[in-house]
N, C-alpha and C. Protein backbone atom coordinates (compact mmCIF):
# COMPACT_ATOMS: atom_id res chain seq x y z
N ILE A 1 0.89 -1.34 -0.08
CA ILE A 1 0.21 0.00 -0.05
C ILE A 1 0.98 1.23 -0.12
N LEU A 2 0.50 2.17 -0.96
CA LEU A 2 1.44 3.27 -1.09
C LEU A 2 1.09 4.45 0.23
N PRO A 3 1.88 5.35 0.39
CA PRO A 3 1.69 6.31 1.58
C PRO A 3 0.66 7.30 1.19
N ARG A 4 0.07 7.79 2.06
CA ARG A 4 -1.17 8.78 1.62
C ARG A 4 -0.84 9.86 0.81
N TYR A 5 0.34 10.57 1.04
CA TYR A 5 0.84 11.65 0.05
C TYR A 5 1.13 11.46 -1.17
N VAL A 6 1.48 10.01 -1.51
CA VAL A 6 1.95 9.68 -2.87
C VAL A 6 0.37 9.37 -3.70
N LEU A 7 -0.55 9.03 -3.07
CA LEU A 7 -1.95 8.78 -3.28
C LEU A 7 -2.46 9.99 -3.75
N GLY A 8 -2.44 10.93 -2.75
CA GLY A 8 -3.14 12.43 -3.18
C GLY A 8 -2.30 13.00 -4.20
N ALA A 9 -0.99 13.04 -4.45
CA ALA A 9 -0.30 13.60 -5.45
C ALA A 9 -0.80 12.89 -6.77
N VAL A 10 -0.81 11.58 -6.92
CA VAL A 10 -1.59 10.78 -8.01
C VAL A 10 -2.75 11.07 -8.31
N ARG A 11 -3.37 11.26 -7.32
CA ARG A 11 -4.91 11.83 -7.32
C ARG A 11 -5.06 13.31 -8.04
N ARG A 12 -4.22 14.21 -7.49
CA ARG A 12 -4.22 15.73 -8.22
C ARG A 12 -3.68 15.61 -9.52
N MET A 13 -2.48 14.75 -9.93
CA MET A 13 -2.22 14.84 -11.28
C MET A 13 -3.13 14.25 -12.22
N VAL A 14 -3.99 13.27 -11.70
CA VAL A 14 -5.09 12.56 -12.49
C VAL A 14 -6.21 13.45 -12.66
N ILE A 15 -6.56 14.30 -11.56
CA ILE A 15 -7.55 15.33 -11.68
C ILE A 15 -7.01 16.44 -12.81
N THR A 16 -5.76 16.93 -12.57
CA THR A 16 -5.59 18.04 -13.46
C THR A 16 -5.40 17.56 -15.11
N VAL A 17 -4.93 16.18 -15.16
CA VAL A 17 -4.88 15.77 -16.63
C VAL A 17 -6.23 15.68 -17.21
N VAL A 18 -7.24 15.10 -16.30
CA VAL A 18 -8.64 14.64 -16.94
C VAL A 18 -9.15 16.24 -17.09
N ARG A 19 -8.82 17.42 -16.25
CA ARG A 19 -9.59 18.49 -16.41
C ARG A 19 -8.94 19.26 -17.72
N ARG A 20 -7.69 19.15 -17.97
CA ARG A 20 -7.26 19.43 -19.20
C ARG A 20 -7.67 19.16 -20.33
N MET A 21 -7.88 17.66 -20.46
CA MET A 21 -8.32 16.77 -21.35
C MET A 21 -9.78 17.42 -21.73
N VAL A 22 -10.63 17.60 -20.66
CA VAL A 22 -11.98 17.71 -20.86
C VAL A 22 -12.11 19.06 -21.33
N ILE A 23 -11.23 20.04 -20.85
CA ILE A 23 -11.34 21.50 -21.46
C ILE A 23 -11.00 21.57 -22.90
N THR A 24 -9.99 20.72 -23.26
CA THR A 24 -9.36 20.66 -24.61
C THR A 24 -10.72 20.36 -25.33
N VAL A 25 -11.15 19.15 -25.13
CA VAL A 25 -12.30 18.53 -25.91
C VAL A 25 -13.37 19.52 -25.97
N VAL A 26 -13.86 19.90 -24.96
CA VAL A 26 -15.06 20.95 -24.86
C VAL A 26 -14.77 22.12 -25.82
N ARG A 27 -13.65 22.55 -25.66
CA ARG A 27 -13.05 23.80 -26.56
C ARG A 27 -13.24 23.39 -27.86
N ARG A 28 -12.87 22.28 -28.39
CA ARG A 28 -12.82 21.68 -29.63
C ARG A 28 -14.12 21.80 -30.09
N MET A 29 -15.19 20.88 -29.31
CA MET A 29 -16.41 20.66 -29.77
C MET A 29 -17.20 22.15 -29.87
N VAL A 30 -17.05 23.21 -28.88
CA VAL A 30 -17.58 24.43 -29.08
C VAL A 30 -17.27 25.06 -30.25
N ILE A 31 -15.84 25.02 -30.52
CA ILE A 31 -15.16 25.50 -31.88
C ILE A 31 -15.91 24.94 -32.98
N THR A 32 -16.03 23.82 -33.26
CA THR A 32 -16.51 23.14 -34.33
C THR A 32 -17.89 23.43 -34.78
N VAL A 33 -18.89 23.67 -33.26
CA VAL A 33 -20.46 23.91 -33.45
C VAL A 33 -20.52 25.42 -33.91
N VAL A 34 -19.64 26.12 -33.15
CA VAL A 34 -19.69 27.62 -33.49
C VAL A 34 -19.55 27.86 -35.13
N ARG A 35 -18.34 27.09 -35.65
CA ARG A 35 -17.81 27.22 -36.87
C ARG A 35 -19.27 26.76 -37.79
N ARG A 36 -19.69 25.68 -37.46
CA ARG A 36 -20.58 25.18 -38.29
C ARG A 36 -21.88 26.04 -38.51
N VAL A 37 -22.29 26.79 -37.20
CA VAL A 37 -23.40 27.47 -37.00
C VAL A 37 -23.05 28.90 -38.06
N VAL A 38 -21.73 29.19 -37.90
CA VAL A 38 -21.57 30.63 -38.63
C VAL A 38 -21.69 30.26 -40.07
N ILE A 39 -21.14 29.22 -40.46
CA ILE A 39 -21.07 28.91 -41.82
C ILE A 39 -22.63 28.80 -42.45
N THR A 40 -23.36 28.09 -41.79
CA THR A 40 -24.89 28.15 -42.07
C THR A 40 -25.62 29.42 -42.32
N VAL A 41 -25.43 30.11 -41.18
CA VAL A 41 -25.86 31.39 -40.90
C VAL A 41 -25.38 32.02 -42.00
N VAL A 42 -24.07 32.43 -42.18
CA VAL A 42 -23.42 33.32 -43.49
C VAL A 42 -23.99 32.72 -44.78
N ARG A 43 -24.26 31.38 -44.98
CA ARG A 43 -24.69 31.10 -46.30
C ARG A 43 -26.03 31.59 -46.35
N ARG A 44 -26.92 31.18 -45.37
CA ARG A 44 -28.39 31.53 -45.46
C ARG A 44 -28.29 32.96 -45.95
N MET A 45 -27.77 33.70 -45.17
CA MET A 45 -27.80 35.42 -45.24
C MET A 45 -27.34 35.71 -46.73
N VAL A 46 -26.23 35.05 -47.10
CA VAL A 46 -25.66 35.25 -48.54
C VAL A 46 -26.83 34.93 -49.56
N ILE A 47 -27.53 33.89 -49.46
CA ILE A 47 -28.29 33.39 -50.40
C ILE A 47 -29.57 34.19 -50.44
N THR A 48 -29.97 34.70 -49.18
CA THR A 48 -30.95 35.59 -49.01
C THR A 48 -30.91 36.91 -49.86
N VAL A 49 -29.73 37.60 -49.40
CA VAL A 49 -29.43 38.58 -49.96
C VAL A 49 -29.13 38.57 -51.42
N ALA A 50 -28.56 37.48 -51.99
CA ALA A 50 -28.46 37.37 -53.50
C ALA A 50 -29.64 37.05 -54.05
N VAL A 51 -30.77 36.46 -53.43
CA VAL A 51 -32.07 36.24 -54.23
C VAL A 51 -32.72 37.57 -54.35
N PHE A 52 -32.74 38.54 -52.78
CA PHE A 52 -33.34 39.49 -52.84
C PHE A 52 -32.52 40.94 -53.88
N ALA A 53 -31.37 40.69 -54.19
CA ALA A 53 -30.73 41.72 -55.02
C ALA A 53 -31.18 41.04 -56.32
N HIS A 54 -31.15 40.09 -56.66
CA HIS A 54 -31.49 39.37 -58.17
C HIS A 54 -32.92 39.88 -58.42
N THR A 55 -33.96 39.52 -57.42
CA THR A 55 -35.12 40.04 -57.82
C THR A 55 -35.35 41.65 -57.98
N ALA A 56 -34.71 42.35 -56.77
CA ALA A 56 -34.68 43.72 -57.13
C ALA A 56 -34.26 44.28 -58.36
N THR A 57 -33.17 43.91 -58.79
CA THR A 57 -32.46 44.62 -59.97
C THR A 57 -33.39 43.99 -60.96
N HIS A 58 -33.88 42.81 -61.06
CA HIS A 58 -34.76 42.37 -62.32
C HIS A 58 -35.93 43.10 -62.39
N CYS A 59 -36.64 43.39 -61.22
CA CYS A 59 -37.77 44.40 -61.23
C CYS A 59 -37.32 45.78 -61.75
N CYS A 60 -36.46 46.35 -61.11
CA CYS A 60 -35.94 47.62 -61.59
C CYS A 60 -35.45 47.68 -62.92
N PHE A 61 -34.84 46.53 -63.34
CA PHE A 61 -34.54 46.74 -64.77
C PHE A 61 -35.60 46.73 -65.67
N GLN A 62 -36.78 45.88 -65.35
CA GLN A 62 -37.98 45.79 -66.30
C GLN A 62 -38.37 46.96 -66.08
N PHE A 63 -38.75 47.62 -64.99
CA PHE A 63 -39.28 49.07 -64.71
C PHE A 63 -38.72 49.92 -65.59
N LEU A 64 -37.29 50.00 -65.63
CA LEU A 64 -36.53 50.94 -66.26
C LEU A 64 -36.65 50.78 -67.69
N ILE A 65 -36.36 49.66 -68.24
CA ILE A 65 -36.79 49.43 -69.64
C ILE A 65 -38.16 49.63 -70.23
N ARG A 66 -39.19 49.33 -69.42
CA ARG A 66 -40.63 49.71 -69.63
C ARG A 66 -40.56 51.28 -69.51
N ALA A 67 -40.04 52.16 -68.72
CA ALA A 67 -40.47 53.34 -68.48
C ALA A 67 -39.47 54.18 -69.72
N LEU A 68 -38.46 53.45 -70.11
CA LEU A 68 -37.49 54.25 -71.21
C LEU A 68 -38.14 54.06 -72.60
N ARG A 69 -38.53 52.70 -72.86
CA ARG A 69 -39.07 52.17 -74.45
C ARG A 69 -40.18 51.64 -74.28
N PRO A 70 -41.36 52.00 -74.13
CA PRO A 70 -42.34 50.86 -73.86
C PRO A 70 -42.64 50.52 -75.30
N THR A 71 -42.82 50.97 -76.47
CA THR A 71 -43.16 50.70 -77.79
C THR A 71 -42.01 49.63 -78.28
N ASP A 72 -40.76 49.91 -78.05
CA ASP A 72 -39.87 49.03 -78.53
C ASP A 72 -39.97 47.52 -77.74
N LEU A 73 -40.09 47.76 -76.57
CA LEU A 73 -40.44 46.35 -75.65
C LEU A 73 -41.56 45.60 -76.16
N VAL A 74 -42.67 46.30 -76.29
CA VAL A 74 -44.04 45.86 -77.12
C VAL A 74 -43.68 45.03 -78.38
N VAL A 75 -42.90 45.73 -79.25
CA VAL A 75 -42.72 45.34 -80.49
C VAL A 75 -41.67 44.03 -80.51
N SER A 76 -40.59 44.09 -79.53
CA SER A 76 -39.63 43.07 -79.47
C SER A 76 -40.28 41.74 -78.82
N ALA A 77 -41.16 42.11 -78.03
CA ALA A 77 -41.83 40.82 -77.32
C ALA A 77 -43.17 40.62 -78.30
């Protein structure tokens, strides 16, 4: 049987190692989750902005064309 202080030191070492491992694992998990969430959010935002810009430019373009030359548009269409 080992003396008590050796057991205490071993226990302390094990606790510190386990704590460090848990901290690193949790940090890695959090980083991956945050990265995934950020990527999905940014992608969704980009898609919505692109769709909105596309529709807005399309509507504005058609409106401008109609306002500038309605007869030509009718003839061409």
